[in-house]
């Protein structure tokens, strides 16, 4: 039995220009997907097969793209509750609870955000690179809570990935850190890479070995032995806030990897059973990759962090 195909037909837009770019704009597929389909002989221009992405095309030229039906993702859909902040045909913004892993991997093959999205978005995923899966463009740690945007379509995936790559995404975190940062606001700059002593940890490393990372922090409220800070990311590196705040002597409360809770407030943390890094992705802003509209979302602090802050108020 042959592969089911969806035929996209139309004409090249008024701008003309490079074939892959013109077809992406006309079809809603990403340029990478267009190139892959060309390589499979699935693109015709004025009735003839087209295989050269850089070919210059005239406005009004008819085209057809035979898009094979997206194959199912390897991960299984699972009915896991999701807190959906925003959703349209192209993307979904979710408020992730602490404890939920974003992507299936060794040790967490199911019960992840991807499994939940495969169930929630069934029938709506048009295929990222030909696979009916949610397009994960960024992640937050298992034990970090807060906002995450995920693409439903190839075009949205590509558009969001570009914004993450050029650091134009707005991201602000709320964190409860040990001690009182001085100055009360500042910028931490330092390359982040794998630790030489523990491959599961990230660390500040010499320039050129890791990835350039910049975090801007400011004090929101001084607490008993701790501080509620806002951290705005210029870059998005693995464990960035946790590594950077720890590097200036103010590790996140509850962080099992990069910090030790100060002795004076350890009883509070233990009484509350707070056993995760006190970190919440509170704000997320970006340009919608399809509509071009600037969108911003915010998420209130989760109950466990609010309880911690209330206990530490002077």
Protein backbone atom coordinates (compact mmCIF):
# COMPACT_ATOMS: atom_id res chain seq x y z
CA UNK A 1 0.00 0.00 0.00
CA UNK A 2 1.40 3.43 -0.95
CA UNK A 3 2.06 6.27 1.47
CA UNK A 4 -0.87 8.65 1.94
CA UNK A 5 -0.06 12.08 0.53
CA UNK A 6 -1.39 15.57 1.00
CA UNK A 7 -0.97 17.64 -2.18
CA UNK A 8 -0.32 21.35 -1.62
CA UNK A 9 -0.90 23.34 -4.82
CA UNK A 10 -0.63 27.05 -5.53
CA UNK A 11 1.36 29.74 -7.27
CA UNK A 12 4.59 31.48 -6.29
CA UNK A 13 3.89 34.78 -4.51
CA UNK A 14 4.53 38.28 -5.81
CA UNK A 15 8.07 38.44 -4.39
CA UNK A 16 9.37 35.42 -6.34
CA UNK A 17 13.04 34.82 -5.52
CA UNK A 18 14.67 31.65 -4.13
CA UNK A 19 12.50 28.58 -4.65
CA UNK A 20 12.79 27.15 -1.10
CA UNK A 21 11.94 30.54 0.47
CA UNK A 22 9.05 31.21 -1.93
CA UNK A 23 7.59 27.72 -1.39
CA UNK A 24 7.91 28.02 2.40
CA UNK A 25 5.98 31.29 2.35
CA UNK A 26 3.32 29.87 0.03
CA UNK A 27 2.89 26.49 1.74
CA UNK A 28 3.42 27.06 5.47
CA UNK A 29 6.17 24.40 5.53
CA UNK A 30 9.65 25.24 6.77
CA UNK A 31 12.51 25.74 4.32
CA UNK A 32 14.31 22.69 5.73
CA UNK A 33 11.20 20.56 5.13
CA UNK A 34 10.88 21.95 1.57
CA UNK A 35 14.52 21.02 0.85
CA UNK A 36 13.97 17.50 2.19
CA UNK A 37 10.83 17.05 0.03
CA UNK A 38 12.75 18.32 -3.02
CA UNK A 39 15.39 15.68 -2.34
CA UNK A 40 12.63 13.04 -2.36
CA UNK A 41 11.31 14.28 -5.73
CA UNK A 42 8.05 15.54 -4.23
CA UNK A 43 8.13 19.12 -5.54
CA UNK A 44 7.09 20.20 -9.04
CA UNK A 45 7.27 23.64 -10.60
CA UNK A 46 5.07 24.27 -13.67
CA UNK A 47 4.64 20.49 -13.93
CA UNK A 48 8.38 19.67 -13.83
CA UNK A 49 10.31 18.22 -10.90
CA UNK A 50 12.27 20.87 -9.00
CA UNK A 51 15.31 19.84 -6.95
CA UNK A 52 17.36 23.05 -6.64
CA UNK A 53 16.50 25.07 -3.52
CA UNK A 54 18.39 28.18 -4.72
CA UNK A 55 16.62 28.30 -8.10
CA UNK A 56 15.21 31.77 -8.81
CA UNK A 57 11.49 31.60 -9.58
CA UNK A 58 9.07 34.07 -11.13
CA UNK A 59 5.89 35.26 -9.38
CA UNK A 60 2.77 33.35 -10.43
CA UNK A 61 4.58 30.11 -11.33
CA UNK A 62 2.36 27.13 -10.40
CA UNK A 63 3.77 24.57 -7.98
CA UNK A 64 2.72 21.33 -6.31
CA UNK A 65 4.19 19.66 -3.21
CA UNK A 66 3.30 16.06 -2.34
CA UNK A 67 3.61 15.91 1.45
CA UNK A 68 3.54 12.36 2.84
CA UNK A 69 1.31 11.86 5.86
CA UNK A 70 3.31 12.44 9.06
CA UNK A 71 4.46 9.22 10.66
CA UNK A 72 3.48 8.69 14.31
CA UNK A 73 5.97 9.80 16.95
CA UNK A 74 7.82 7.06 18.83
CA UNK A 75 6.60 8.39 22.18
CA UNK A 76 3.13 7.30 23.27
CA UNK A 77 0.27 9.76 23.87
CA UNK A 78 -0.68 9.85 27.56
CA UNK A 79 -3.62 11.57 29.23
CA UNK A 80 -1.62 13.76 31.63
CA UNK A 81 -3.29 16.99 32.82
CA UNK A 82 -1.88 20.14 31.20
CA UNK A 83 -2.22 23.77 32.26
CA UNK A 84 -2.60 25.43 28.84
CA UNK A 85 -1.97 29.19 28.90
CA UNK A 86 -2.42 29.77 25.15
CA UNK A 87 -3.10 27.62 22.12
CA UNK A 88 -3.81 28.13 18.43
CA UNK A 89 -3.31 26.07 15.26
CA UNK A 90 0.46 26.73 15.26
CA UNK A 91 1.73 26.57 18.82
CA UNK A 92 0.86 25.95 22.45
CA UNK A 93 2.12 27.63 25.64
CA UNK A 94 1.93 25.51 28.79
CA UNK A 95 2.62 26.20 32.45
CA UNK A 96 4.69 23.18 33.48
CA UNK A 97 4.50 21.95 37.06
CA UNK A 98 7.69 21.07 38.93
CA UNK A 99 8.44 17.35 38.66
CA UNK A 100 7.39 16.95 35.01
CA UNK A 101 10.17 16.02 32.58
CA UNK A 102 9.89 17.80 29.21
CA UNK A 103 11.20 15.13 26.84
CA UNK A 104 11.38 11.29 26.96
CA UNK A 105 14.91 10.04 27.60
CA UNK A 106 16.67 7.16 29.32
CA UNK A 107 15.15 6.87 32.77
CA UNK A 108 12.03 8.83 31.75
CA UNK A 109 10.56 7.08 28.71
CA UNK A 110 7.01 8.16 29.47
CA UNK A 111 5.06 10.45 31.79
CA UNK A 112 6.68 13.48 30.14
CA UNK A 113 5.37 16.74 28.73
CA UNK A 114 5.84 15.34 25.20
CA UNK A 115 3.61 12.35 26.06
CA UNK A 116 0.99 14.75 27.43
CA UNK A 117 1.15 16.97 24.33
CA UNK A 118 0.83 14.00 21.95
CA UNK A 119 -2.48 13.22 23.68
CA UNK A 120 -3.68 16.81 23.99
CA UNK A 121 -2.78 17.79 20.41
CA UNK A 122 -3.81 14.55 18.67
CA UNK A 123 -4.94 15.27 15.13
CA UNK A 124 -3.50 18.79 15.24
CA UNK A 125 0.23 18.08 14.77
CA UNK A 126 1.06 18.62 11.10
CA UNK A 127 4.46 17.02 11.41
CA UNK A 128 7.82 18.42 12.49
CA UNK A 129 10.21 17.15 9.83
CA UNK A 130 7.58 14.64 8.73
CA UNK A 131 6.90 13.24 12.21
CA UNK A 132 3.64 13.98 14.04
CA UNK A 133 5.29 15.28 17.18
CA UNK A 134 5.36 18.49 19.20
CA UNK A 135 8.27 20.77 18.28
CA UNK A 136 10.33 21.30 21.43
CA UNK A 137 12.40 24.45 20.92
CA UNK A 138 13.49 24.97 24.54
CA UNK A 139 13.31 23.07 27.81
CA UNK A 140 13.13 23.79 31.49
CA UNK A 141 14.49 21.41 34.10
CA UNK A 142 12.29 18.68 35.55
CA UNK A 143 12.11 20.42 38.94
CA UNK A 144 11.71 23.95 37.55
CA UNK A 145 8.13 25.14 37.05
CA UNK A 146 6.72 27.62 34.56
CA UNK A 147 6.17 28.64 30.98
CA UNK A 148 7.20 26.73 27.88
CA UNK A 149 6.24 27.26 24.22
CA UNK A 150 5.94 24.27 21.88
CA UNK A 151 5.37 24.27 18.10
CA UNK A 152 2.61 22.28 16.42
CA UNK A 153 3.74 22.92 12.85
CA UNK A 154 6.99 22.88 10.92
CA UNK A 155 6.80 26.58 10.14
CA UNK A 156 6.16 27.56 13.76
CA UNK A 157 9.00 25.29 14.88
CA UNK A 158 11.46 26.93 12.51
CA UNK A 159 10.29 30.47 13.38
CA UNK A 160 10.60 29.88 17.12
CA UNK A 161 13.97 28.12 16.77
CA UNK A 162 15.37 31.19 14.97
CA UNK A 163 14.25 33.46 17.83
CA UNK A 164 15.82 31.20 20.45
CA UNK A 165 19.04 31.04 18.41
CA UNK A 166 19.31 34.84 18.11
CA UNK A 167 18.31 35.34 21.79
CA UNK A 168 15.33 37.57 20.95
CA UNK A 169 12.97 35.56 23.18
CA UNK A 170 12.00 37.35 26.42
CA UNK A 171 12.40 35.10 29.46
CA UNK A 172 12.21 36.03 33.11
CA UNK A 173 12.52 33.66 36.06
CA UNK A 174 11.71 34.10 39.74
CA UNK A 175 14.15 32.45 42.11
CA UNK A 176 14.68 32.31 45.88
CA UNK A 177 18.42 32.46 46.51
CA UNK A 178 20.51 32.09 49.65
CA UNK A 179 21.77 35.29 51.24
CA UNK A 180 21.51 38.84 49.98
CA UNK A 181 23.09 39.63 46.59
CA UNK A 182 25.31 42.72 46.60
CA UNK A 183 24.85 44.71 44.47
CA UNK A 184 21.08 44.21 44.67
CA UNK A 185 20.95 44.08 40.86
CA UNK A 186 23.61 43.08 38.38
CA UNK A 187 24.72 40.98 35.43
CA UNK A 188 26.48 37.62 35.56
CA UNK A 189 28.49 36.68 32.48
CA UNK A 190 30.33 33.41 32.10
CA UNK A 191 30.57 30.50 29.69
CA UNK A 192 28.68 27.38 30.73
CA UNK A 193 29.76 23.85 29.85
CA UNK A 194 29.99 20.35 31.28
CA UNK A 195 31.87 20.10 34.58
CA UNK A 196 35.25 18.36 34.36
CA UNK A 197 34.60 16.56 37.65
CA UNK A 198 30.94 15.56 37.19
CA UNK A 199 29.50 15.08 33.70
CA UNK A 200 25.94 15.46 35.04
CA UNK A 201 26.69 18.98 36.25
CA UNK A 202 27.19 22.20 34.33
CA UNK A 203 29.86 24.67 35.41
CA UNK A 204 31.48 27.97 34.52
CA UNK A 205 34.27 27.14 32.08
CA UNK A 206 36.89 29.12 30.19
CA UNK A 207 35.75 31.07 27.13
CA UNK A 208 35.74 28.91 24.03
CA UNK A 209 35.09 25.63 25.84
CA UNK A 210 31.48 26.28 26.82
CA UNK A 211 28.63 28.44 25.58
CA UNK A 212 28.52 32.18 26.22
CA UNK A 213 25.84 32.97 28.83
CA UNK A 214 24.45 36.20 30.29
CA UNK A 215 21.98 36.54 33.19
CA UNK A 216 20.60 39.85 34.51
CA UNK A 217 19.29 39.66 38.08
CA UNK A 218 17.50 42.11 40.35
CA UNK A 219 16.24 41.90 43.90
CA UNK A 220 12.45 41.79 44.29
CA UNK A 221 12.23 41.19 48.05
CA UNK A 222 14.71 40.62 50.88
CA UNK A 223 13.74 37.63 53.04
CA UNK A 224 15.12 36.04 56.22
CA UNK A 225 18.46 34.61 55.13
CA UNK A 226 17.37 34.62 51.49
CA UNK A 227 16.22 36.86 48.63
CA UNK A 228 13.52 36.66 45.99
CA UNK A 229 15.16 37.70 42.72
CA UNK A 230 14.14 38.06 39.10
CA UNK A 231 16.57 36.67 36.53
CA UNK A 232 16.26 37.73 32.90
CA UNK A 233 18.08 35.57 30.40
CA UNK A 234 19.96 36.97 27.44
CA UNK A 235 20.96 33.42 26.52
CA UNK A 236 19.33 30.11 27.35
CA UNK A 237 21.90 27.56 28.52
CA UNK A 238 21.38 24.36 30.47
CA UNK A 239 21.01 25.18 34.21
CA UNK A 240 21.99 28.80 33.45
CA UNK A 241 20.24 30.55 36.37
CA UNK A 242 21.32 27.83 38.81
CA UNK A 243 24.99 27.94 37.73
CA UNK A 244 25.24 31.73 37.47
CA UNK A 245 23.59 32.53 40.82
CA UNK A 246 25.68 29.82 42.52
CA UNK A 247 28.83 31.32 40.95
CA UNK A 248 28.26 34.63 42.77
CA UNK A 249 27.64 32.89 46.10
CA UNK A 250 23.83 32.91 46.02
CA UNK A 251 22.68 29.44 45.04
CA UNK A 252 18.98 28.64 44.76
CA UNK A 253 17.27 27.30 47.86
CA UNK A 254 16.51 23.59 47.59
CA UNK A 255 18.93 23.07 44.68
CA UNK A 256 20.30 19.54 45.16
CA UNK A 257 23.15 20.01 42.66
CA UNK A 258 24.49 23.56 42.80
CA UNK A 259 23.79 24.74 46.33
CA UNK A 260 23.49 24.05 50.03
CA UNK A 261 20.62 25.58 51.98
CA UNK A 262 22.03 27.88 54.72
CA UNK A 263 21.91 26.28 58.18
CA UNK A 264 19.71 29.06 59.60
CA UNK A 265 16.85 28.41 57.18
CA UNK A 266 17.27 24.67 56.71
CA UNK A 267 14.53 23.87 59.29
CA UNK A 268 12.01 25.95 57.26
CA UNK A 269 12.87 24.16 54.01
CA UNK A 270 12.67 20.77 55.71
CA UNK A 271 9.38 21.55 57.47
CA UNK A 272 7.80 22.55 54.15
CA UNK A 273 9.29 19.52 52.38
CA UNK A 274 10.74 21.85 49.74
CA UNK A 275 13.13 19.59 47.82
CA UNK A 276 13.60 21.28 44.46
CA UNK A 277 15.44 24.34 43.20
CA UNK A 278 13.30 27.40 43.97
CA UNK A 279 13.00 28.44 40.34
CA UNK A 280 9.97 29.40 38.26
CA UNK A 281 9.81 30.49 34.60
CA UNK A 282 7.44 33.41 35.18
CA UNK A 283 7.46 35.38 31.92
CA UNK A 284 7.75 34.42 28.26
CA UNK A 285 7.53 36.74 25.26
CA UNK A 286 8.16 36.21 21.55
CA UNK A 287 7.02 37.16 18.07
CA UNK A 288 4.37 34.69 16.91
CA UNK A 289 6.16 32.87 14.06
CA UNK A 290 3.08 32.83 11.80
CA UNK A 291 0.98 35.91 12.65
CA UNK A 292 3.95 38.21 13.39
CA UNK A 293 2.21 39.47 16.54
CA UNK A 294 4.31 40.08 19.68
CA UNK A 295 2.85 37.95 22.49
CA UNK A 296 3.71 37.87 26.20
CA UNK A 297 2.61 35.46 28.89
CA UNK A 298 3.08 35.43 32.65
CA UNK A 299 2.62 32.75 35.28
CA UNK A 300 2.11 33.31 39.02
CA UNK A 301 4.42 31.64 41.52
CA UNK A 302 3.33 28.08 42.30
CA UNK A 303 2.01 27.24 45.77
CA UNK A 304 5.21 25.61 47.04
CA UNK A 305 7.37 28.66 46.25
CA UNK A 306 4.73 31.03 47.68
CA UNK A 307 4.67 29.01 50.91
CA UNK A 308 8.48 29.14 51.10
CA UNK A 309 8.53 32.91 50.60
CA UNK A 310 5.76 33.44 53.18
CA UNK A 311 7.74 31.45 55.76
CA UNK A 312 10.90 33.45 55.10
CA UNK A 313 9.30 36.90 55.25
CA UNK A 314 10.83 38.95 58.03
